[in-house]
All heavy atoms as atom14 arrays in JSON, in Angstrom:
{
  "sequence": "QGHEVVEQFYEPDQLGAALRDFDAVVVRSKTKVRANHIDEAKGGKLKL",
  "atom14_mask": [
    [1, 1, 1, 1, 1, 1, 1, 1, 1, 0, 0, 0, 0, 0],
    [1, 1, 1, 1, 0, 0, 0, 0, 0, 0, 0, 0, 0, 0],
    [1, 1, 1, 1, 1, 1, 1, 1, 1, 1, 0, 0, 0, 0],
    [1, 1, 1, 1, 1, 1, 1, 1, 1, 0, 0, 0, 0, 0],
    [1, 1, 1, 1, 1, 1, 1, 0, 0, 0, 0, 0, 0, 0],
    [1, 1, 1, 1, 1, 1, 1, 0, 0, 0, 0, 0, 0, 0],
    [1, 1, 1, 1, 1, 1, 1, 1, 1, 0, 0, 0, 0, 0],
    [1, 1, 1, 1, 1, 1, 1, 1, 1, 0, 0, 0, 0, 0],
    [1, 1, 1, 1, 1, 1, 1, 1, 1, 1, 1, 0, 0, 0],
    [1, 1, 1, 1, 1, 1, 1, 1, 1, 1, 1, 1, 0, 0],
    [1, 1, 1, 1, 1, 1, 1, 1, 1, 0, 0, 0, 0, 0],
    [1, 1, 1, 1, 1, 1, 1, 0, 0, 0, 0, 0, 0, 0],
    [1, 1, 1, 1, 1, 1, 1, 1, 0, 0, 0, 0, 0, 0],
    [1, 1, 1, 1, 1, 1, 1, 1, 1, 0, 0, 0, 0, 0],
    [1, 1, 1, 1, 1, 1, 1, 1, 0, 0, 0, 0, 0, 0],
    [1, 1, 1, 1, 0, 0, 0, 0, 0, 0, 0, 0, 0, 0],
    [1, 1, 1, 1, 1, 0, 0, 0, 0, 0, 0, 0, 0, 0],
    [1, 1, 1, 1, 1, 0, 0, 0, 0, 0, 0, 0, 0, 0],
    [1, 1, 1, 1, 1, 1, 1, 1, 0, 0, 0, 0, 0, 0],
    [1, 1, 1, 1, 1, 1, 1, 1, 1, 1, 1, 0, 0, 0],
    [1, 1, 1, 1, 1, 1, 1, 1, 0, 0, 0, 0, 0, 0],
    [1, 1, 1, 1, 1, 1, 1, 1, 1, 1, 1, 0, 0, 0],
    [1, 1, 1, 1, 1, 1, 1, 1, 0, 0, 0, 0, 0, 0],
    [1, 1, 1, 1, 1, 0, 0, 0, 0, 0, 0, 0, 0, 0],
    [1, 1, 1, 1, 1, 1, 1, 0, 0, 0, 0, 0, 0, 0],
    [1, 1, 1, 1, 1, 1, 1, 0, 0, 0, 0, 0, 0, 0],
    [1, 1, 1, 1, 1, 1, 1, 0, 0, 0, 0, 0, 0, 0],
    [1, 1, 1, 1, 1, 1, 1, 1, 1, 1, 1, 0, 0, 0],
    [1, 1, 1, 1, 1, 1, 0, 0, 0, 0, 0, 0, 0, 0],
    [1, 1, 1, 1, 1, 1, 1, 1, 1, 0, 0, 0, 0, 0],
    [1, 1, 1, 1, 1, 1, 1, 0, 0, 0, 0, 0, 0, 0],
    [1, 1, 1, 1, 1, 1, 1, 1, 1, 0, 0, 0, 0, 0],
    [1, 1, 1, 1, 1, 1, 1, 0, 0, 0, 0, 0, 0, 0],
    [1, 1, 1, 1, 1, 1, 1, 1, 1, 1, 1, 0, 0, 0],
    [1, 1, 1, 1, 1, 0, 0, 0, 0, 0, 0, 0, 0, 0],
    [1, 1, 1, 1, 1, 1, 1, 1, 0, 0, 0, 0, 0, 0],
    [1, 1, 1, 1, 1, 1, 1, 1, 1, 1, 0, 0, 0, 0],
    [1, 1, 1, 1, 1, 1, 1, 1, 0, 0, 0, 0, 0, 0],
    [1, 1, 1, 1, 1, 1, 1, 1, 0, 0, 0, 0, 0, 0],
    [1, 1, 1, 1, 1, 1, 1, 1, 1, 0, 0, 0, 0, 0],
    [1, 1, 1, 1, 1, 0, 0, 0, 0, 0, 0, 0, 0, 0],
    [1, 1, 1, 1, 1, 1, 1, 1, 1, 0, 0, 0, 0, 0],
    [1, 1, 1, 1, 0, 0, 0, 0, 0, 0, 0, 0, 0, 0],
    [1, 1, 1, 1, 0, 0, 0, 0, 0, 0, 0, 0, 0, 0],
    [1, 1, 1, 1, 1, 1, 1, 1, 1, 0, 0, 0, 0, 0],
    [1, 1, 1, 1, 1, 1, 1, 1, 0, 0, 0, 0, 0, 0],
    [1, 1, 1, 1, 1, 1, 1, 1, 1, 0, 0, 0, 0, 0],
    [1, 1, 1, 1, 1, 1, 1, 1, 0, 0, 0, 0, 0, 0]
  ],
  "atom14_positions": [
    [[53.49, 6.29, 26.57], [52.13, 6.56, 26.11], [51.1, 5.69, 26.82], [49.9, 5.82, 26.59], [52.03, 6.32, 24.59], [52.85, 7.3, 23.75], [52.89, 6.88, 22.28], [52.05, 6.13, 21.81], [53.89, 7.38, 21.55], [0.0, 0.0, 0.0], [0.0, 0.0, 0.0], [0.0, 0.0, 0.0], [0.0, 0.0, 0.0], [0.0, 0.0, 0.0]],
    [[51.59, 4.8, 27.68], [50.68, 3.96, 28.45], [50.47, 2.57, 27.9], [49.65, 1.81, 28.41], [0.0, 0.0, 0.0], [0.0, 0.0, 0.0], [0.0, 0.0, 0.0], [0.0, 0.0, 0.0], [0.0, 0.0, 0.0], [0.0, 0.0, 0.0], [0.0, 0.0, 0.0], [0.0, 0.0, 0.0], [0.0, 0.0, 0.0], [0.0, 0.0, 0.0]],
    [[51.21, 2.22, 26.84], [51.06, 0.9, 26.24], [51.92, -0.13, 26.96], [53.0, 0.19, 27.47], [51.44, 0.94, 24.76], [50.67, 1.94, 23.95], [49.3, 1.86, 23.8], [51.07, 3.04, 23.26], [48.89, 2.86, 23.05], [49.95, 3.59, 22.71], [0.0, 0.0, 0.0], [0.0, 0.0, 0.0], [0.0, 0.0, 0.0], [0.0, 0.0, 0.0]],
    [[51.48, -1.36, 26.94], [52.3, -2.47, 27.42], [53.02, -3.07, 26.22], [52.39, -3.47, 25.24], [51.44, -3.53, 28.09], [52.24, -4.74, 28.57], [51.38, -5.88, 29.11], [50.15, -5.68, 29.21], [51.94, -6.95, 29.39], [0.0, 0.0, 0.0], [0.0, 0.0, 0.0], [0.0, 0.0, 0.0], [0.0, 0.0, 0.0], [0.0, 0.0, 0.0]],
    [[54.35, -3.12, 26.27], [55.14, -3.62, 25.15], [55.86, -4.9, 25.56], [56.59, -4.92, 26.54], [56.18, -2.57, 24.68], [56.96, -3.1, 23.48], [55.49, -1.25, 24.33], [0.0, 0.0, 0.0], [0.0, 0.0, 0.0], [0.0, 0.0, 0.0], [0.0, 0.0, 0.0], [0.0, 0.0, 0.0], [0.0, 0.0, 0.0], [0.0, 0.0, 0.0]],
    [[55.63, -5.96, 24.79], [56.26, -7.26, 25.05], [57.17, -7.58, 23.87], [56.72, -7.63, 22.72], [55.21, -8.37, 25.22], [55.9, -9.73, 25.4], [54.29, -8.06, 26.39], [0.0, 0.0, 0.0], [0.0, 0.0, 0.0], [0.0, 0.0, 0.0], [0.0, 0.0, 0.0], [0.0, 0.0, 0.0], [0.0, 0.0, 0.0], [0.0, 0.0, 0.0]],
    [[58.45, -7.77, 24.12], [59.41, -8.11, 23.07], [59.69, -9.61, 23.13], [60.38, -10.08, 24.05], [60.69, -7.3, 23.23], [61.67, -7.49, 22.08], [62.9, -6.6, 22.22], [63.04, -5.94, 23.25], [63.72, -6.6, 21.28], [0.0, 0.0, 0.0], [0.0, 0.0, 0.0], [0.0, 0.0, 0.0], [0.0, 0.0, 0.0], [0.0, 0.0, 0.0]],
    [[59.17, -10.36, 22.16], [59.36, -11.81, 22.16], [59.12, -12.37, 20.76], [58.16, -12.01, 20.09], [58.4, -12.49, 23.15], [58.6, -14.0, 23.24], [57.77, -14.63, 24.33], [57.27, -13.95, 25.24], [57.61, -15.94, 24.27], [0.0, 0.0, 0.0], [0.0, 0.0, 0.0], [0.0, 0.0, 0.0], [0.0, 0.0, 0.0], [0.0, 0.0, 0.0]],
    [[60.01, -13.25, 20.34], [59.84, -13.93, 19.05], [59.08, -15.24, 19.27], [59.34, -15.97, 20.23], [61.19, -14.23, 18.41], [61.08, -15.04, 17.14], [60.71, -14.44, 15.96], [61.34, -16.41, 17.15], [60.58, -15.18, 14.79], [61.23, -17.15, 15.98], [60.85, -16.53, 14.8], [0.0, 0.0, 0.0], [0.0, 0.0, 0.0], [0.0, 0.0, 0.0]],
    [[58.14, -15.51, 18.37], [57.39, -16.77, 18.42], [57.66, -17.57, 17.15], [57.67, -17.01, 16.05], [55.88, -16.5, 18.52], [55.44, -16.03, 19.89], [55.35, -14.67, 20.18], [55.1, -16.94, 20.89], [54.94, -14.23, 21.43], [54.69, -16.52, 22.14], [54.61, -15.16, 22.41], [54.2, -14.73, 23.65], [0.0, 0.0, 0.0], [0.0, 0.0, 0.0]],
    [[57.84, -18.86, 17.31], [57.96, -19.75, 16.15], [56.62, -19.75, 15.41], [55.57, -19.49, 16.0], [58.33, -21.16, 16.59], [59.71, -21.28, 17.22], [60.85, -20.97, 16.25], [60.62, -21.04, 15.01], [61.95, -20.63, 16.72], [0.0, 0.0, 0.0], [0.0, 0.0, 0.0], [0.0, 0.0, 0.0], [0.0, 0.0, 0.0], [0.0, 0.0, 0.0]],
    [[56.64, -20.06, 14.1], [55.4, -20.0, 13.31], [54.24, -20.8, 13.89], [53.09, -20.37, 13.8], [55.85, -20.57, 11.95], [57.29, -20.23, 11.86], [57.81, -20.36, 13.26], [0.0, 0.0, 0.0], [0.0, 0.0, 0.0], [0.0, 0.0, 0.0], [0.0, 0.0, 0.0], [0.0, 0.0, 0.0], [0.0, 0.0, 0.0], [0.0, 0.0, 0.0]],
    [[54.52, -21.96, 14.49], [53.42, -22.78, 15.01], [52.86, -22.25, 16.33], [51.84, -22.76, 16.82], [53.87, -24.23, 15.17], [55.03, -24.4, 16.14], [55.68, -23.39, 16.48], [55.29, -25.54, 16.56], [0.0, 0.0, 0.0], [0.0, 0.0, 0.0], [0.0, 0.0, 0.0], [0.0, 0.0, 0.0], [0.0, 0.0, 0.0], [0.0, 0.0, 0.0]],
    [[53.5, -21.24, 16.9], [53.03, -20.65, 18.16], [52.48, -19.25, 17.99], [51.8, -18.73, 18.87], [54.19, -20.61, 19.17], [54.8, -21.96, 19.5], [56.04, -21.83, 20.36], [56.8, -20.87, 20.23], [56.24, -22.8, 21.24], [0.0, 0.0, 0.0], [0.0, 0.0, 0.0], [0.0, 0.0, 0.0], [0.0, 0.0, 0.0], [0.0, 0.0, 0.0]],
    [[52.78, -18.62, 16.83], [52.48, -17.2, 16.65], [50.99, -16.91, 16.69], [50.55, -15.97, 17.37], [53.08, -16.7, 15.33], [52.84, -15.24, 14.99], [53.48, -14.32, 16.03], [53.36, -14.92, 13.58], [0.0, 0.0, 0.0], [0.0, 0.0, 0.0], [0.0, 0.0, 0.0], [0.0, 0.0, 0.0], [0.0, 0.0, 0.0], [0.0, 0.0, 0.0]],
    [[50.19, -17.66, 15.95], [48.77, -17.36, 15.84], [48.07, -17.31, 17.19], [47.34, -16.36, 17.48], [0.0, 0.0, 0.0], [0.0, 0.0, 0.0], [0.0, 0.0, 0.0], [0.0, 0.0, 0.0], [0.0, 0.0, 0.0], [0.0, 0.0, 0.0], [0.0, 0.0, 0.0], [0.0, 0.0, 0.0], [0.0, 0.0, 0.0], [0.0, 0.0, 0.0]],
    [[48.3, -18.32, 18.02], [47.68, -18.36, 19.34], [48.15, -17.2, 20.2], [47.37, -16.59, 20.94], [47.98, -19.69, 20.02], [0.0, 0.0, 0.0], [0.0, 0.0, 0.0], [0.0, 0.0, 0.0], [0.0, 0.0, 0.0], [0.0, 0.0, 0.0], [0.0, 0.0, 0.0], [0.0, 0.0, 0.0], [0.0, 0.0, 0.0], [0.0, 0.0, 0.0]],
    [[49.44, -16.85, 20.08], [49.99, -15.75, 20.88], [49.35, -14.42, 20.51], [49.14, -13.55, 21.37], [51.5, -15.68, 20.69], [0.0, 0.0, 0.0], [0.0, 0.0, 0.0], [0.0, 0.0, 0.0], [0.0, 0.0, 0.0], [0.0, 0.0, 0.0], [0.0, 0.0, 0.0], [0.0, 0.0, 0.0], [0.0, 0.0, 0.0], [0.0, 0.0, 0.0]],
    [[49.0, -14.24, 19.24], [48.46, -12.96, 18.78], [47.09, -12.65, 19.38], [46.69, -11.48, 19.4], [48.35, -12.96, 17.25], [49.69, -12.92, 16.49], [49.45, -13.02, 14.98], [50.49, -11.68, 16.82], [0.0, 0.0, 0.0], [0.0, 0.0, 0.0], [0.0, 0.0, 0.0], [0.0, 0.0, 0.0], [0.0, 0.0, 0.0], [0.0, 0.0, 0.0]],
    [[46.39, -13.65, 19.86], [45.08, -13.4, 20.46], [45.16, -12.45, 21.65], [44.21, -11.73, 21.94], [44.46, -14.72, 20.96], [44.11, -15.71, 19.87], [43.25, -16.83, 20.44], [43.25, -17.98, 19.56], [43.75, -19.17, 19.86], [44.27, -19.37, 21.06], [43.7, -20.15, 19.0], [0.0, 0.0, 0.0], [0.0, 0.0, 0.0], [0.0, 0.0, 0.0]],
    [[46.32, -12.44, 22.31], [46.46, -11.66, 23.55], [47.0, -10.27, 23.33], [47.3, -9.56, 24.31], [47.37, -12.42, 24.53], [46.79, -13.76, 24.95], [45.55, -13.85, 25.07], [47.57, -14.71, 25.14], [0.0, 0.0, 0.0], [0.0, 0.0, 0.0], [0.0, 0.0, 0.0], [0.0, 0.0, 0.0], [0.0, 0.0, 0.0], [0.0, 0.0, 0.0]],
    [[47.16, -9.85, 22.06], [47.75, -8.54, 21.78], [46.83, -7.72, 20.87], [46.18, -8.26, 19.97], [49.12, -8.7, 21.12], [50.16, -9.31, 22.01], [50.36, -10.69, 22.03], [50.91, -8.52, 22.86], [51.3, -11.26, 22.87], [51.86, -9.07, 23.7], [52.05, -10.44, 23.71], [0.0, 0.0, 0.0], [0.0, 0.0, 0.0], [0.0, 0.0, 0.0]],
    [[46.8, -6.41, 21.13], [46.05, -5.49, 20.26], [46.81, -5.22, 18.97], [46.2, -4.95, 17.92], [45.83, -4.16, 20.99], [45.03, -4.33, 22.25], [43.8, -4.5, 22.16], [45.64, -4.3, 23.34], [0.0, 0.0, 0.0], [0.0, 0.0, 0.0], [0.0, 0.0, 0.0], [0.0, 0.0, 0.0], [0.0, 0.0, 0.0], [0.0, 0.0, 0.0]],
    [[48.14, -5.25, 19.03], [48.97, -4.93, 17.88], [50.23, -5.78, 17.89], [50.72, -6.17, 18.96], [49.35, -3.45, 17.87], [0.0, 0.0, 0.0], [0.0, 0.0, 0.0], [0.0, 0.0, 0.0], [0.0, 0.0, 0.0], [0.0, 0.0, 0.0], [0.0, 0.0, 0.0], [0.0, 0.0, 0.0], [0.0, 0.0, 0.0], [0.0, 0.0, 0.0]],
    [[50.75, -6.07, 16.7], [52.02, -6.78, 16.58], [52.91, -6.0, 15.63], [52.45, -5.5, 14.6], [51.83, -8.24, 16.11], [51.11, -8.31, 14.76], [53.17, -8.96, 16.04], [0.0, 0.0, 0.0], [0.0, 0.0, 0.0], [0.0, 0.0, 0.0], [0.0, 0.0, 0.0], [0.0, 0.0, 0.0], [0.0, 0.0, 0.0], [0.0, 0.0, 0.0]],
    [[54.18, -5.88, 15.99], [55.17, -5.19, 15.17], [56.18, -6.23, 14.7], [56.81, -6.91, 15.52], [55.89, -4.08, 15.95], [56.93, -3.38, 15.06], [54.89, -3.08, 16.51], [0.0, 0.0, 0.0], [0.0, 0.0, 0.0], [0.0, 0.0, 0.0], [0.0, 0.0, 0.0], [0.0, 0.0, 0.0], [0.0, 0.0, 0.0], [0.0, 0.0, 0.0]],
    [[56.33, -6.38, 13.38], [57.25, -7.37, 12.83], [58.23, -6.69, 11.89], [57.99, -5.59, 11.39], [56.49, -8.48, 12.07], [55.45, -9.13, 12.96], [55.82, -7.94, 10.8], [0.0, 0.0, 0.0], [0.0, 0.0, 0.0], [0.0, 0.0, 0.0], [0.0, 0.0, 0.0], [0.0, 0.0, 0.0], [0.0, 0.0, 0.0], [0.0, 0.0, 0.0]],
    [[59.37, -7.37, 11.66], [60.25, -6.96, 10.57], [60.21, -8.06, 9.52], [59.14, -8.49, 9.14], [61.65, -6.67, 11.12], [61.69, -5.29, 11.78], [63.07, -4.66, 11.78], [63.81, -4.84, 10.56], [63.58, -4.16, 9.42], [62.63, -3.25, 9.37], [64.3, -4.39, 8.36], [0.0, 0.0, 0.0], [0.0, 0.0, 0.0], [0.0, 0.0, 0.0]],
    [[61.33, -8.55, 9.06], [61.29, -9.53, 7.97], [61.29, -10.97, 8.47], [60.85, -11.87, 7.75], [62.5, -9.31, 7.04], [63.71, -9.39, 7.75], [0.0, 0.0, 0.0], [0.0, 0.0, 0.0], [0.0, 0.0, 0.0], [0.0, 0.0, 0.0], [0.0, 0.0, 0.0], [0.0, 0.0, 0.0], [0.0, 0.0, 0.0], [0.0, 0.0, 0.0]],
    [[61.76, -11.21, 9.69], [61.87, -12.59, 10.17], [60.51, -13.21, 10.41], [60.24, -14.35, 10.03], [62.71, -12.65, 11.44], [62.98, -14.06, 11.93], [63.9, -14.07, 13.14], [64.21, -15.48, 13.59], [65.1, -15.51, 14.78], [0.0, 0.0, 0.0], [0.0, 0.0, 0.0], [0.0, 0.0, 0.0], [0.0, 0.0, 0.0], [0.0, 0.0, 0.0]],
    [[59.61, -12.48, 11.05], [58.28, -13.0, 11.36], [57.37, -12.89, 10.15], [57.25, -11.83, 9.55], [57.67, -12.24, 12.55], [58.47, -12.46, 13.7], [56.26, -12.72, 12.82], [0.0, 0.0, 0.0], [0.0, 0.0, 0.0], [0.0, 0.0, 0.0], [0.0, 0.0, 0.0], [0.0, 0.0, 0.0], [0.0, 0.0, 0.0], [0.0, 0.0, 0.0]],
    [[56.7, -13.99, 9.82], [55.72, -14.02, 8.73], [54.33, -14.16, 9.35], [54.08, -15.08, 10.13], [55.97, -15.22, 7.79], [57.43, -15.39, 7.36], [57.88, -14.28, 6.45], [59.24, -14.57, 5.82], [60.37, -14.59, 6.78], [0.0, 0.0, 0.0], [0.0, 0.0, 0.0], [0.0, 0.0, 0.0], [0.0, 0.0, 0.0], [0.0, 0.0, 0.0]],
    [[53.43, -13.24, 9.01], [52.05, -13.29, 9.5], [51.17, -13.74, 8.35], [50.83, -12.95, 7.46], [51.58, -11.93, 10.06], [50.19, -12.08, 10.67], [52.56, -11.42, 11.11], [0.0, 0.0, 0.0], [0.0, 0.0, 0.0], [0.0, 0.0, 0.0], [0.0, 0.0, 0.0], [0.0, 0.0, 0.0], [0.0, 0.0, 0.0], [0.0, 0.0, 0.0]],
    [[50.8, -15.01, 8.37], [50.05, -15.6, 7.28], [48.58, -15.81, 7.67], [48.19, -15.59, 8.81], [50.69, -16.94, 6.87], [52.12, -16.81, 6.38], [52.22, -15.82, 5.24], [53.56, -15.71, 4.67], [53.97, -14.73, 3.9], [53.14, -13.73, 3.62], [55.2, -14.7, 3.41], [0.0, 0.0, 0.0], [0.0, 0.0, 0.0], [0.0, 0.0, 0.0]],
    [[47.8, -16.26, 6.68], [46.37, -16.43, 6.88], [46.06, -17.37, 8.04], [45.13, -17.14, 8.82], [45.72, -16.95, 5.6], [0.0, 0.0, 0.0], [0.0, 0.0, 0.0], [0.0, 0.0, 0.0], [0.0, 0.0, 0.0], [0.0, 0.0, 0.0], [0.0, 0.0, 0.0], [0.0, 0.0, 0.0], [0.0, 0.0, 0.0], [0.0, 0.0, 0.0]],
    [[46.86, -18.44, 8.18], [46.59, -19.38, 9.27], [46.81, -18.75, 10.64], [46.1, -19.05, 11.61], [47.46, -20.63, 9.13], [48.95, -20.35, 9.23], [49.5, -19.64, 8.39], [49.6, -20.92, 10.22], [0.0, 0.0, 0.0], [0.0, 0.0, 0.0], [0.0, 0.0, 0.0], [0.0, 0.0, 0.0], [0.0, 0.0, 0.0], [0.0, 0.0, 0.0]],
    [[47.77, -17.82, 10.73], [47.99, -17.11, 12.0], [46.81, -16.19, 12.31], [46.38, -16.08, 13.47], [49.29, -16.3, 11.94], [50.51, -17.12, 11.68], [51.38, -16.83, 10.67], [50.98, -18.24, 12.28], [52.36, -17.72, 10.66], [52.13, -18.59, 11.63], [0.0, 0.0, 0.0], [0.0, 0.0, 0.0], [0.0, 0.0, 0.0], [0.0, 0.0, 0.0]],
    [[46.31, -15.53, 11.27], [45.16, -14.64, 11.45], [43.93, -15.44, 11.87], [43.17, -15.03, 12.75], [44.92, -13.84, 10.16], [46.11, -12.88, 9.91], [43.61, -13.05, 10.23], [46.15, -12.3, 8.53], [0.0, 0.0, 0.0], [0.0, 0.0, 0.0], [0.0, 0.0, 0.0], [0.0, 0.0, 0.0], [0.0, 0.0, 0.0], [0.0, 0.0, 0.0]],
    [[43.75, -16.62, 11.26], [42.63, -17.49, 11.65], [42.74, -17.9, 13.12], [41.76, -17.9, 13.86], [42.59, -18.73, 10.77], [42.06, -18.44, 9.37], [41.37, -17.41, 9.2], [42.33, -19.23, 8.45], [0.0, 0.0, 0.0], [0.0, 0.0, 0.0], [0.0, 0.0, 0.0], [0.0, 0.0, 0.0], [0.0, 0.0, 0.0], [0.0, 0.0, 0.0]],
    [[43.97, -18.26, 13.52], [44.17, -18.68, 14.91], [43.95, -17.54, 15.88], [43.59, -17.76, 17.05], [45.58, -19.25, 15.08], [45.82, -20.57, 14.37], [47.27, -21.02, 14.5], [47.78, -21.06, 15.62], [47.88, -21.33, 13.45], [0.0, 0.0, 0.0], [0.0, 0.0, 0.0], [0.0, 0.0, 0.0], [0.0, 0.0, 0.0], [0.0, 0.0, 0.0]],
    [[44.19, -16.3, 15.43], [44.04, -15.14, 16.31], [42.61, -14.64, 16.4], [42.3, -13.76, 17.23], [44.94, -14.01, 15.82], [0.0, 0.0, 0.0], [0.0, 0.0, 0.0], [0.0, 0.0, 0.0], [0.0, 0.0, 0.0], [0.0, 0.0, 0.0], [0.0, 0.0, 0.0], [0.0, 0.0, 0.0], [0.0, 0.0, 0.0], [0.0, 0.0, 0.0]],
    [[41.7, -15.19, 15.58], [40.31, -14.73, 15.6], [39.69, -14.95, 16.98], [39.94, -15.94, 17.65], [39.5, -15.48, 14.54], [39.78, -15.02, 13.12], [38.97, -15.82, 12.1], [39.25, -15.35, 10.68], [38.52, -16.16, 9.68], [0.0, 0.0, 0.0], [0.0, 0.0, 0.0], [0.0, 0.0, 0.0], [0.0, 0.0, 0.0], [0.0, 0.0, 0.0]],
    [[38.85, -13.97, 17.35], [38.24, -14.02, 18.67], [39.09, -13.37, 19.74], [38.65, -13.23, 20.89], [0.0, 0.0, 0.0], [0.0, 0.0, 0.0], [0.0, 0.0, 0.0], [0.0, 0.0, 0.0], [0.0, 0.0, 0.0], [0.0, 0.0, 0.0], [0.0, 0.0, 0.0], [0.0, 0.0, 0.0], [0.0, 0.0, 0.0], [0.0, 0.0, 0.0]],
    [[40.3, -12.96, 19.35], [41.2, -12.3, 20.29], [41.16, -10.79, 20.14], [40.2, -10.21, 19.62], [0.0, 0.0, 0.0], [0.0, 0.0, 0.0], [0.0, 0.0, 0.0], [0.0, 0.0, 0.0], [0.0, 0.0, 0.0], [0.0, 0.0, 0.0], [0.0, 0.0, 0.0], [0.0, 0.0, 0.0], [0.0, 0.0, 0.0], [0.0, 0.0, 0.0]],
    [[42.25, -10.14, 20.52], [42.31, -8.68, 20.58], [42.94, -8.03, 19.34], [42.86, -6.82, 19.17], [43.11, -8.27, 21.81], [42.56, -8.8, 23.12], [43.55, -8.62, 24.27], [43.85, -7.16, 24.55], [44.75, -7.0, 25.72], [0.0, 0.0, 0.0], [0.0, 0.0, 0.0], [0.0, 0.0, 0.0], [0.0, 0.0, 0.0], [0.0, 0.0, 0.0]],
    [[43.58, -8.81, 18.47], [44.42, -8.25, 17.41], [43.65, -7.34, 16.46], [42.66, -7.75, 15.87], [45.08, -9.38, 16.62], [46.12, -8.93, 15.59], [47.32, -8.28, 16.27], [46.58, -10.12, 14.73], [0.0, 0.0, 0.0], [0.0, 0.0, 0.0], [0.0, 0.0, 0.0], [0.0, 0.0, 0.0], [0.0, 0.0, 0.0], [0.0, 0.0, 0.0]],
    [[44.14, -6.1, 16.35], [43.52, -5.11, 15.47], [44.49, -4.45, 14.51], [44.1, -3.76, 13.58], [42.86, -4.0, 16.31], [41.79, -4.47, 17.28], [41.13, -3.31, 18.01], [42.08, -2.64, 19.01], [42.38, -3.5, 20.17], [0.0, 0.0, 0.0], [0.0, 0.0, 0.0], [0.0, 0.0, 0.0], [0.0, 0.0, 0.0], [0.0, 0.0, 0.0]],
    [[45.81, -4.62, 14.75], [46.8, -3.87, 13.99], [48.07, -4.69, 13.81], [48.59, -5.27, 14.77], [47.14, -2.56, 14.72], [48.26, -1.69, 14.16], [47.89, -1.14, 12.78], [48.56, -0.53, 15.12], [0.0, 0.0, 0.0], [0.0, 0.0, 0.0], [0.0, 0.0, 0.0], [0.0, 0.0, 0.0], [0.0, 0.0, 0.0], [0.0, 0.0, 0.0]]
  ]
}
């Protein structure tokens, strides 16, 4: 469909900063997306 897909796990202290560079993140149960990660991702591309 033309999307760039990156498969990589990030530790909790690295996740928020990493999310700035992605439009979307797909998680299952291992990854927790908490308020601090969303705060760290502000100003980036994350929409979904």
